[in-house]
């Protein structure tokens, strides 16, 4: 039996870190399902030797490492260890996970696990301490993902969409994301469009409890002259930039569509953009971050 060796320079390490409770374990499990070799809590001193190990390994050439504050001096040691990966000719990227403090507190309350940086203190103290300690690591990240609004299943879908192996030559993965500005900008967005200039269905009593997925809201939005004008202009813009992103080798493109609350205008427009791009031969995914928030 002949084993095909990984091509020189094809080895890749994804370093996953971030705040405790932000979903690192769920991301690691999803990566394992997508065919990645994953190691949890690898000491930072072993990261450079691990890069040497996978460089010529056909079985480990797509590996993910979860590293965090469980290791003492992690914050001080990680930057040098991360740079050492690239010095060995291995492709490296850093994914930083975070979440809103209230969400993290709720998650710790539900699991009844102590925060690693607040063993004898309130959870909120540990969250604040860790967030401050990781500020330097966060600045190093290639991708920052706020998991506050993700369910476990949505997080797994995100990982599958962005990190599952794709056929050779497959084009940029395009994601359309609706959101509400009052809930914060999505950290993963590459392009952001603001729909707050359009009439708000939330001020129409019969539409207030509905969403942009519902037919009455869709009809209301399509009746607004600026809706069609906006769609035409943004599709023209995307038609210009997407081929250029593909040419430059960009693997993922997230287009975020925002309104005030993320329930009506952004949802409807995101759906319409998804359909229009599909008709143009792309295969975009559409996700509504805030549509179920109160």
C-alpha atoms as a PDB file:
ATOM      1  CA  UNK A   1       0.000   0.000   0.000  1.00  0.00           C
ATOM      2  CA  UNK A   2       1.430   3.353  -1.066  1.00  0.00           C
ATOM      3  CA  UNK A   3       0.951   6.437   1.085  1.00  0.00           C
ATOM      4  CA  UNK A   4       0.719   9.779  -0.670  1.00  0.00           C
ATOM      5  CA  UNK A   5       2.821  12.344   1.147  1.00  0.00           C
ATOM      6  CA  UNK A   6       1.553  15.852   1.740  1.00  0.00           C
ATOM      7  CA  UNK A   7       2.863  18.377  -0.741  1.00  0.00           C
ATOM      8  CA  UNK A   8       5.686  20.533   0.492  1.00  0.00           C
ATOM      9  CA  UNK A   9       4.236  23.645   2.081  1.00  0.00           C
ATOM     10  CA  UNK A  10       0.734  22.148   2.342  1.00  0.00           C
ATOM     11  CA  UNK A  11       0.875  21.558   6.106  1.00  0.00           C
ATOM     12  CA  UNK A  12      -1.479  23.805   8.052  1.00  0.00           C
ATOM     13  CA  UNK A  13      -1.998  24.518  11.739  1.00  0.00           C
ATOM     14  CA  UNK A  14      -5.037  26.352  13.040  1.00  0.00           C
ATOM     15  CA  UNK A  15      -4.424  27.706  16.538  1.00  0.00           C
ATOM     16  CA  UNK A  16      -7.664  28.167  18.457  1.00  0.00           C
ATOM     17  CA  UNK A  17      -7.754  30.298  21.560  1.00  0.00           C
ATOM     18  CA  UNK A  18      -9.948  32.861  23.271  1.00  0.00           C
ATOM     19  CA  UNK A  19     -12.112  33.401  26.302  1.00  0.00           C
ATOM     20  CA  UNK A  20     -13.143  30.523  28.535  1.00  0.00           C
ATOM     21  CA  UNK A  21     -16.719  29.548  27.737  1.00  0.00           C
ATOM     22  CA  UNK A  22     -16.618  30.969  24.221  1.00  0.00           C
ATOM     23  CA  UNK A  23     -16.955  27.585  22.499  1.00  0.00           C
ATOM     24  CA  UNK A  24     -13.418  26.346  21.821  1.00  0.00           C
ATOM     25  CA  UNK A  25     -14.322  22.742  22.614  1.00  0.00           C
ATOM     26  CA  UNK A  26     -17.316  22.809  20.247  1.00  0.00           C
ATOM     27  CA  UNK A  27     -15.136  24.259  17.481  1.00  0.00           C
ATOM     28  CA  UNK A  28     -12.534  21.538  18.033  1.00  0.00           C
ATOM     29  CA  UNK A  29     -15.159  18.783  17.809  1.00  0.00           C
ATOM     30  CA  UNK A  30     -16.573  20.270  14.608  1.00  0.00           C
ATOM     31  CA  UNK A  31     -13.086  20.424  13.121  1.00  0.00           C
ATOM     32  CA  UNK A  32     -12.531  16.765  13.977  1.00  0.00           C
ATOM     33  CA  UNK A  33     -15.750  15.933  12.115  1.00  0.00           C
ATOM     34  CA  UNK A  34     -14.417  17.949   9.158  1.00  0.00           C
ATOM     35  CA  UNK A  35     -11.271  15.806   9.037  1.00  0.00           C
ATOM     36  CA  UNK A  36      -8.815  17.885  11.066  1.00  0.00           C
ATOM     37  CA  UNK A  37      -6.397  16.335  13.546  1.00  0.00           C
ATOM     38  CA  UNK A  38      -7.042  18.184  16.815  1.00  0.00           C
ATOM     39  CA  UNK A  39      -5.067  18.512  20.040  1.00  0.00           C
ATOM     40  CA  UNK A  40      -6.527  20.159  23.121  1.00  0.00           C
ATOM     41  CA  UNK A  41      -4.404  22.053  25.662  1.00  0.00           C
ATOM     42  CA  UNK A  42      -1.045  21.348  24.027  1.00  0.00           C
ATOM     43  CA  UNK A  43       1.713  23.087  26.020  1.00  0.00           C
ATOM     44  CA  UNK A  44       3.051  26.052  24.056  1.00  0.00           C
ATOM     45  CA  UNK A  45       6.599  24.723  24.348  1.00  0.00           C
ATOM     46  CA  UNK A  46       5.526  21.744  22.227  1.00  0.00           C
ATOM     47  CA  UNK A  47       3.973  23.805  19.426  1.00  0.00           C
ATOM     48  CA  UNK A  48       7.220  24.241  17.387  1.00  0.00           C
ATOM     49  CA  UNK A  49       8.113  20.504  17.616  1.00  0.00           C
ATOM     50  CA  UNK A  50       4.531  19.693  16.643  1.00  0.00           C
ATOM     51  CA  UNK A  51       4.925  21.888  13.540  1.00  0.00           C
ATOM     52  CA  UNK A  52       8.049  19.891  12.653  1.00  0.00           C
ATOM     53  CA  UNK A  53       6.097  16.662  13.096  1.00  0.00           C
ATOM     54  CA  UNK A  54       3.224  17.561  10.776  1.00  0.00           C
ATOM     55  CA  UNK A  55       5.299  19.279   8.116  1.00  0.00           C
ATOM     56  CA  UNK A  56       6.005  16.038   6.271  1.00  0.00           C
ATOM     57  CA  UNK A  57       3.093  13.978   7.609  1.00  0.00           C
ATOM     58  CA  UNK A  58       0.323  13.073   5.136  1.00  0.00           C
ATOM     59  CA  UNK A  59      -2.051  12.253   7.996  1.00  0.00           C
ATOM     60  CA  UNK A  60      -1.576  15.321  10.187  1.00  0.00           C
ATOM     61  CA  UNK A  61      -1.085  18.081   7.629  1.00  0.00           C
ATOM     62  CA  UNK A  62      -4.362  19.793   8.659  1.00  0.00           C
ATOM     63  CA  UNK A  63      -4.104  20.145  12.413  1.00  0.00           C
ATOM     64  CA  UNK A  64      -5.796  22.336  14.990  1.00  0.00           C
ATOM     65  CA  UNK A  65      -4.478  23.198  18.432  1.00  0.00           C
ATOM     66  CA  UNK A  66      -6.599  24.535  21.291  1.00  0.00           C
ATOM     67  CA  UNK A  67      -4.476  26.588  23.684  1.00  0.00           C
ATOM     68  CA  UNK A  68      -5.646  28.886  26.458  1.00  0.00           C
ATOM     69  CA  UNK A  69      -5.189  30.131  30.011  1.00  0.00           C
ATOM     70  CA  UNK A  70      -5.269  26.625  31.443  1.00  0.00           C
ATOM     71  CA  UNK A  71      -1.509  26.727  30.885  1.00  0.00           C
ATOM     72  CA  UNK A  72       0.481  29.048  33.128  1.00  0.00           C
ATOM     73  CA  UNK A  73       2.397  31.741  31.193  1.00  0.00           C
ATOM     74  CA  UNK A  74       0.339  30.949  28.069  1.00  0.00           C
ATOM     75  CA  UNK A  75      -0.098  34.650  27.228  1.00  0.00           C
ATOM     76  CA  UNK A  76       3.637  35.296  27.393  1.00  0.00           C
ATOM     77  CA  UNK A  77       4.719  32.178  25.500  1.00  0.00           C
ATOM     78  CA  UNK A  78       2.181  31.914  22.678  1.00  0.00           C
ATOM     79  CA  UNK A  79       3.396  34.765  20.413  1.00  0.00           C
ATOM     80  CA  UNK A  80       6.884  33.259  20.011  1.00  0.00           C
ATOM     81  CA  UNK A  81       5.498  29.744  19.583  1.00  0.00           C
ATOM     82  CA  UNK A  82       3.054  30.969  16.926  1.00  0.00           C
ATOM     83  CA  UNK A  83       5.808  32.733  14.965  1.00  0.00           C
ATOM     84  CA  UNK A  84       7.899  29.567  15.185  1.00  0.00           C
ATOM     85  CA  UNK A  85       5.230  27.661  13.220  1.00  0.00           C
ATOM     86  CA  UNK A  86       5.616  29.927  10.214  1.00  0.00           C
ATOM     87  CA  UNK A  87       9.397  29.863  10.521  1.00  0.00           C
ATOM     88  CA  UNK A  88       9.171  26.126   9.850  1.00  0.00           C
ATOM     89  CA  UNK A  89       7.343  26.594   6.561  1.00  0.00           C
ATOM     90  CA  UNK A  90       3.963  25.557   7.942  1.00  0.00           C
ATOM     91  CA  UNK A  91       0.883  27.626   7.178  1.00  0.00           C
ATOM     92  CA  UNK A  92      -0.544  29.024  10.417  1.00  0.00           C
ATOM     93  CA  UNK A  93      -3.668  30.940  11.335  1.00  0.00           C
ATOM     94  CA  UNK A  94      -5.059  32.062  14.670  1.00  0.00           C
ATOM     95  CA  UNK A  95      -8.768  31.888  15.490  1.00  0.00           C
ATOM     96  CA  UNK A  96      -9.805  33.873  18.563  1.00  0.00           C
ATOM     97  CA  UNK A  97     -13.193  33.121  20.135  1.00  0.00           C
ATOM     98  CA  UNK A  98     -15.002  35.536  22.401  1.00  0.00           C
ATOM     99  CA  UNK A  99     -18.493  36.311  23.666  1.00  0.00           C
ATOM    100  CA  UNK A 100     -20.403  38.946  25.581  1.00  0.00           C
ATOM    101  CA  UNK A 101     -19.746  38.857  29.330  1.00  0.00           C
ATOM    102  CA  UNK A 102     -23.422  38.247  30.148  1.00  0.00           C
ATOM    103  CA  UNK A 103     -23.469  35.290  27.768  1.00  0.00           C
ATOM    104  CA  UNK A 104     -20.301  33.860  29.317  1.00  0.00           C
ATOM    105  CA  UNK A 105     -21.758  34.215  32.810  1.00  0.00           C
ATOM    106  CA  UNK A 106     -24.880  32.369  31.719  1.00  0.00           C
ATOM    107  CA  UNK A 107     -22.849  29.558  30.174  1.00  0.00           C
ATOM    108  CA  UNK A 108     -20.787  29.093  33.320  1.00  0.00           C
ATOM    109  CA  UNK A 109     -23.965  29.120  35.394  1.00  0.00           C
ATOM    110  CA  UNK A 110     -25.538  26.441  33.201  1.00  0.00           C
ATOM    111  CA  UNK A 111     -22.496  24.149  33.279  1.00  0.00           C
ATOM    112  CA  UNK A 112     -21.711  24.899  36.951  1.00  0.00           C
ATOM    113  CA  UNK A 113     -18.019  24.881  36.160  1.00  0.00           C
ATOM    114  CA  UNK A 114     -15.610  27.337  37.808  1.00  0.00           C
ATOM    115  CA  UNK A 115     -13.875  29.932  35.687  1.00  0.00           C
ATOM    116  CA  UNK A 116     -10.156  29.038  35.395  1.00  0.00           C
ATOM    117  CA  UNK A 117      -9.156  32.553  36.442  1.00  0.00           C
ATOM    118  CA  UNK A 118     -11.668  32.911  39.277  1.00  0.00           C
ATOM    119  CA  UNK A 119     -11.572  29.704  41.286  1.00  0.00           C
ATOM    120  CA  UNK A 120     -12.383  31.485  44.555  1.00  0.00           C
ATOM    121  CA  UNK A 121     -14.014  34.601  43.128  1.00  0.00           C
ATOM    122  CA  UNK A 122     -17.224  35.485  41.247  1.00  0.00           C
ATOM    123  CA  UNK A 123     -17.271  34.378  37.605  1.00  0.00           C
ATOM    124  CA  UNK A 124     -17.502  37.983  36.445  1.00  0.00           C
ATOM    125  CA  UNK A 125     -14.087  38.707  37.994  1.00  0.00           C
ATOM    126  CA  UNK A 126     -12.518  35.838  36.077  1.00  0.00           C
ATOM    127  CA  UNK A 127     -14.114  36.955  32.816  1.00  0.00           C
ATOM    128  CA  UNK A 128     -12.844  40.513  33.181  1.00  0.00           C
ATOM    129  CA  UNK A 129      -9.359  39.374  34.184  1.00  0.00           C
ATOM    130  CA  UNK A 130      -9.103  36.943  31.296  1.00  0.00           C
ATOM    131  CA  UNK A 131     -10.414  39.438  28.745  1.00  0.00           C
ATOM    132  CA  UNK A 132      -7.750  41.942  29.775  1.00  0.00           C
ATOM    133  CA  UNK A 133      -4.992  39.314  29.829  1.00  0.00           C
ATOM    134  CA  UNK A 134      -5.828  38.089  26.314  1.00  0.00           C
ATOM    135  CA  UNK A 135      -5.975  41.537  24.695  1.00  0.00           C
ATOM    136  CA  UNK A 136      -2.500  41.062  23.193  1.00  0.00           C
ATOM    137  CA  UNK A 137      -3.336  37.609  21.804  1.00  0.00           C
ATOM    138  CA  UNK A 138      -6.588  38.949  20.346  1.00  0.00           C
ATOM    139  CA  UNK A 139      -4.632  41.518  18.320  1.00  0.00           C
ATOM    140  CA  UNK A 140      -2.626  38.679  16.748  1.00  0.00           C
ATOM    141  CA  UNK A 141      -5.721  36.837  15.506  1.00  0.00           C
ATOM    142  CA  UNK A 142      -6.375  36.264  11.825  1.00  0.00           C
ATOM    143  CA  UNK A 143     -10.056  35.802  12.596  1.00  0.00           C
ATOM    144  CA  UNK A 144     -12.069  36.922  15.625  1.00  0.00           C
ATOM    145  CA  UNK A 145     -15.383  35.155  16.144  1.00  0.00           C
ATOM    146  CA  UNK A 146     -17.991  36.393  18.611  1.00  0.00           C
ATOM    147  CA  UNK A 147     -20.087  33.351  19.556  1.00  0.00           C
ATOM    148  CA  UNK A 148     -22.615  35.231  21.727  1.00  0.00           C
ATOM    149  CA  UNK A 149     -25.521  34.644  19.348  1.00  0.00           C
ATOM    150  CA  UNK A 150     -24.516  31.138  18.208  1.00  0.00           C
ATOM    151  CA  UNK A 151     -26.235  27.967  19.277  1.00  0.00           C
ATOM    152  CA  UNK A 152     -24.044  24.866  19.391  1.00  0.00           C
ATOM    153  CA  UNK A 153     -25.506  23.756  16.052  1.00  0.00           C
ATOM    154  CA  UNK A 154     -24.924  27.162  14.430  1.00  0.00           C
ATOM    155  CA  UNK A 155     -21.326  27.155  15.621  1.00  0.00           C
ATOM    156  CA  UNK A 156     -20.775  23.707  14.121  1.00  0.00           C
ATOM    157  CA  UNK A 157     -22.312  24.902  10.841  1.00  0.00           C
ATOM    158  CA  UNK A 158     -19.990  27.913  10.852  1.00  0.00           C
ATOM    159  CA  UNK A 159     -16.946  25.686  11.307  1.00  0.00           C
ATOM    160  CA  UNK A 160     -18.106  23.314   8.587  1.00  0.00           C
ATOM    161  CA  UNK A 161     -18.684  26.212   6.201  1.00  0.00           C
ATOM    162  CA  UNK A 162     -15.326  27.863   6.818  1.00  0.00           C
ATOM    163  CA  UNK A 163     -12.965  24.981   7.548  1.00  0.00           C
ATOM    164  CA  UNK A 164     -14.228  21.828   5.847  1.00  0.00           C
ATOM    165  CA  UNK A 165     -12.024  20.676   3.010  1.00  0.00           C
ATOM    166  CA  UNK A 166     -13.185  21.900  -0.369  1.00  0.00           C
ATOM    167  CA  UNK A 167     -12.373  20.545  -3.822  1.00  0.00           C
ATOM    168  CA  UNK A 168      -9.206  21.855  -5.456  1.00  0.00           C
ATOM    169  CA  UNK A 169      -9.898  25.162  -7.170  1.00  0.00           C
ATOM    170  CA  UNK A 170     -13.272  25.774  -5.542  1.00  0.00           C
ATOM    171  CA  UNK A 171     -14.026  29.480  -5.287  1.00  0.00           C
ATOM    172  CA  UNK A 172     -14.407  31.737  -2.286  1.00  0.00           C
ATOM    173  CA  UNK A 173     -16.998  30.668   0.306  1.00  0.00           C
ATOM    174  CA  UNK A 174     -19.591  33.451   0.542  1.00  0.00           C
ATOM    175  CA  UNK A 175     -21.713  34.021   3.640  1.00  0.00           C
ATOM    176  CA  UNK A 176     -24.569  36.501   3.923  1.00  0.00           C
ATOM    177  CA  UNK A 177     -25.236  37.516   7.521  1.00  0.00           C
ATOM    178  CA  UNK A 178     -28.104  39.646   8.823  1.00  0.00           C
ATOM    179  CA  UNK A 179     -27.671  41.409  12.162  1.00  0.00           C
ATOM    180  CA  UNK A 180     -28.938  44.243  14.355  1.00  0.00           C
ATOM    181  CA  UNK A 181     -26.676  47.212  15.064  1.00  0.00           C
ATOM    182  CA  UNK A 182     -28.027  47.472  18.591  1.00  0.00           C
ATOM    183  CA  UNK A 183     -26.588  44.013  19.265  1.00  0.00           C
ATOM    184  CA  UNK A 184     -23.150  44.944  17.948  1.00  0.00           C
ATOM    185  CA  UNK A 185     -21.243  44.578  14.695  1.00  0.00           C
ATOM    186  CA  UNK A 186     -20.401  40.972  13.721  1.00  0.00           C
ATOM    187  CA  UNK A 187     -16.675  40.491  14.202  1.00  0.00           C
ATOM    188  CA  UNK A 188     -16.424  38.089  11.261  1.00  0.00           C
ATOM    189  CA  UNK A 189     -17.803  40.588   8.699  1.00  0.00           C
ATOM    190  CA  UNK A 190     -15.665  41.540   5.705  1.00  0.00           C
ATOM    191  CA  UNK A 191     -18.244  43.908   4.162  1.00  0.00           C
ATOM    192  CA  UNK A 192     -21.003  45.703   6.097  1.00  0.00           C
ATOM    193  CA  UNK A 193     -24.092  47.366   4.608  1.00  0.00           C
ATOM    194  CA  UNK A 194     -26.398  49.568   6.695  1.00  0.00           C
ATOM    195  CA  UNK A 195     -30.144  49.372   5.943  1.00  0.00           C
ATOM    196  CA  UNK A 196     -31.328  51.852   8.547  1.00  0.00           C
ATOM    197  CA  UNK A 197     -32.217  54.313   5.791  1.00  0.00           C
ATOM    198  CA  UNK A 198     -35.133  52.069   4.732  1.00  0.00           C
ATOM    199  CA  UNK A 199     -38.584  52.370   6.385  1.00  0.00           C
ATOM    200  CA  UNK A 200     -38.718  50.174   9.497  1.00  0.00           C
ATOM    201  CA  UNK A 201     -41.479  47.525   9.592  1.00  0.00           C
ATOM    202  CA  UNK A 202     -41.110  47.517  13.367  1.00  0.00           C
ATOM    203  CA  UNK A 203     -43.160  50.731  13.427  1.00  0.00           C
ATOM    204  CA  UNK A 204     -46.031  49.071  11.582  1.00  0.00           C
ATOM    205  CA  UNK A 205     -48.160  47.437  14.279  1.00  0.00           C
ATOM    206  CA  UNK A 206     -49.278  44.459  12.170  1.00  0.00           C
ATOM    207  CA  UNK A 207     -45.657  43.689  11.189  1.00  0.00           C
ATOM    208  CA  UNK A 208     -43.905  44.282  14.511  1.00  0.00           C
ATOM    209  CA  UNK A 209     -44.036  40.687  15.756  1.00  0.00           C
ATOM    210  CA  UNK A 210     -43.102  39.240  12.359  1.00  0.00           C
ATOM    211  CA  UNK A 211     -39.653  38.962  10.758  1.00  0.00           C
ATOM    212  CA  UNK A 212     -38.108  39.464   7.356  1.00  0.00           C
ATOM    213  CA  UNK A 213     -38.818  35.797   6.652  1.00  0.00           C
ATOM    214  CA  UNK A 214     -42.568  36.416   6.715  1.00  0.00           C
ATOM    215  CA  UNK A 215     -44.564  37.251   3.571  1.00  0.00           C
ATOM    216  CA  UNK A 216     -46.251  40.448   4.918  1.00  0.00           C
ATOM    217  CA  UNK A 217     -42.864  41.962   5.775  1.00  0.00           C
ATOM    218  CA  UNK A 218     -41.427  40.903   2.418  1.00  0.00           C
ATOM    219  CA  UNK A 219     -44.344  42.564   0.590  1.00  0.00           C
ATOM    220  CA  UNK A 220     -43.944  45.712   2.690  1.00  0.00           C
ATOM    221  CA  UNK A 221     -40.229  45.899   1.939  1.00  0.00           C
ATOM    222  CA  UNK A 222     -40.670  45.314  -1.782  1.00  0.00           C
ATOM    223  CA  UNK A 223     -43.236  48.104  -1.888  1.00  0.00           C
ATOM    224  CA  UNK A 224     -40.531  50.589  -0.829  1.00  0.00           C
ATOM    225  CA  UNK A 225     -38.875  52.126  -3.921  1.00  0.00           C
ATOM    226  CA  UNK A 226     -35.435  52.219  -2.290  1.00  0.00           C
ATOM    227  CA  UNK A 227     -35.435  48.477  -1.626  1.00  0.00           C
ATOM    228  CA  UNK A 228     -35.075  47.551  -5.287  1.00  0.00           C
ATOM    229  CA  UNK A 229     -32.586  50.387  -5.847  1.00  0.00           C
ATOM    230  CA  UNK A 230     -30.418  49.203  -2.971  1.00  0.00           C
ATOM    231  CA  UNK A 231     -30.476  45.580  -4.120  1.00  0.00           C
ATOM    232  CA  UNK A 232     -29.479  46.602  -7.629  1.00  0.00           C
ATOM    233  CA  UNK A 233     -26.571  48.717  -6.414  1.00  0.00           C
ATOM    234  CA  UNK A 234     -25.226  46.235  -3.864  1.00  0.00           C
ATOM    235  CA  UNK A 235     -25.460  43.361  -6.353  1.00  0.00           C
ATOM    236  CA  UNK A 236     -23.564  45.454  -8.873  1.00  0.00           C
ATOM    237  CA  UNK A 237     -20.886  46.109  -6.240  1.00  0.00           C
ATOM    238  CA  UNK A 238     -20.642  42.445  -5.228  1.00  0.00           C
ATOM    239  CA  UNK A 239     -20.522  41.449  -8.890  1.00  0.00           C
ATOM    240  CA  UNK A 240     -17.458  43.665  -9.173  1.00  0.00           C
ATOM    241  CA  UNK A 241     -15.576  42.654  -6.002  1.00  0.00           C
ATOM    242  CA  UNK A 242     -16.308  38.922  -5.662  1.00  0.00           C
ATOM    243  CA  UNK A 243     -14.341  37.860  -8.779  1.00  0.00           C
ATOM    244  CA  UNK A 244     -11.453  39.991  -7.569  1.00  0.00           C
ATOM    245  CA  UNK A 245     -11.551  38.400  -4.115  1.00  0.00           C
ATOM    246  CA  UNK A 246     -11.490  35.015  -5.818  1.00  0.00           C
ATOM    247  CA  UNK A 247      -8.549  36.068  -7.992  1.00  0.00           C
ATOM    248  CA  UNK A 248      -6.632  37.203  -4.900  1.00  0.00           C
ATOM    249  CA  UNK A 249      -7.213  33.811  -3.277  1.00  0.00           C
ATOM    250  CA  UNK A 250      -9.546  34.959  -0.489  1.00  0.00           C
ATOM    251  CA  UNK A 251     -11.037  31.785   0.971  1.00  0.00           C
ATOM    252  CA  UNK A 252     -14.028  33.290   2.790  1.00  0.00           C
ATOM    253  CA  UNK A 253     -16.149  36.388   2.317  1.00  0.00           C
ATOM    254  CA  UNK A 254     -18.772  37.408   4.870  1.00  0.00           C
ATOM    255  CA  UNK A 255     -21.223  40.094   3.755  1.00  0.00           C
ATOM    256  CA  UNK A 256     -23.081  41.548   6.750  1.00  0.00           C
ATOM    257  CA  UNK A 257     -26.432  43.281   6.296  1.00  0.00           C
ATOM    258  CA  UNK A 258     -27.531  45.346   9.286  1.00  0.00           C
ATOM    259  CA  UNK A 259     -30.632  47.155  10.476  1.00  0.00           C
ATOM    260  CA  UNK A 260     -31.580  48.377  13.932  1.00  0.00           C
ATOM    261  CA  UNK A 261     -32.726  45.132  15.554  1.00  0.00           C
ATOM    262  CA  UNK A 262     -31.807  42.491  12.991  1.00  0.00           C
ATOM    263  CA  UNK A 263     -35.355  41.176  12.582  1.00  0.00           C
ATOM    264  CA  UNK A 264     -37.011  42.796   9.575  1.00  0.00           C
ATOM    265  CA  UNK A 265     -35.076  44.769   6.965  1.00  0.00           C
ATOM    266  CA  UNK A 266     -31.730  42.994   7.243  1.00  0.00           C
ATOM    267  CA  UNK A 267     -33.343  39.537   7.216  1.00  0.00           C
ATOM    268  CA  UNK A 268     -35.395  40.251   4.107  1.00  0.00           C
ATOM    269  CA  UNK A 269     -32.493  41.837   2.213  1.00  0.00           C
ATOM    270  CA  UNK A 270     -30.057  39.069   3.220  1.00  0.00           C
ATOM    271  CA  UNK A 271     -32.464  36.470   1.843  1.00  0.00           C
ATOM    272  CA  UNK A 272     -32.855  38.407  -1.407  1.00  0.00           C
ATOM    273  CA  UNK A 273     -29.096  38.797  -1.826  1.00  0.00           C
ATOM    274  CA  UNK A 274     -28.618  35.083  -1.204  1.00  0.00           C
ATOM    275  CA  UNK A 275     -31.145  34.223  -3.911  1.00  0.00           C
ATOM    276  CA  UNK A 276     -29.673  36.704  -6.375  1.00  0.00           C
ATOM    277  CA  UNK A 277     -26.110  35.474  -5.874  1.00  0.00           C
ATOM    278  CA  UNK A 278     -27.283  31.872  -6.258  1.00  0.00           C
ATOM    279  CA  UNK A 279     -28.848  32.814  -9.585  1.00  0.00           C
ATOM    280  CA  UNK A 280     -25.462  34.193 -10.634  1.00  0.00           C
ATOM    281  CA  UNK A 281     -23.760  30.867 -10.035  1.00  0.00           C
ATOM    282  CA  UNK A 282     -22.484  31.302  -6.486  1.00  0.00           C
ATOM    283  CA  UNK A 283     -23.458  29.142  -3.522  1.00  0.00           C
ATOM    284  CA  UNK A 284     -23.860  31.573  -0.627  1.00  0.00           C
ATOM    285  CA  UNK A 285     -25.043  30.594   2.826  1.00  0.00           C
ATOM    286  CA  UNK A 286     -27.493  32.898   4.601  1.00  0.00           C
ATOM    287  CA  UNK A 287     -27.609  33.253   8.374  1.00  0.00           C
ATOM    288  CA  UNK A 288     -29.716  35.531  10.561  1.00  0.00           C
ATOM    289  CA  UNK A 289     -27.771  36.286  13.734  1.00  0.00           C
ATOM    290  CA  UNK A 290     -30.299  38.295  15.729  1.00  0.00           C
ATOM    291  CA  UNK A 291     -33.686  37.336  14.329  1.00  0.00           C
ATOM    292  CA  UNK A 292     -34.676  35.376  17.483  1.00  0.00           C
ATOM    293  CA  UNK A 293     -33.360  37.854  20.035  1.00  0.00           C
ATOM    294  CA  UNK A 294     -35.967  39.720  22.113  1.00  0.00           C
END
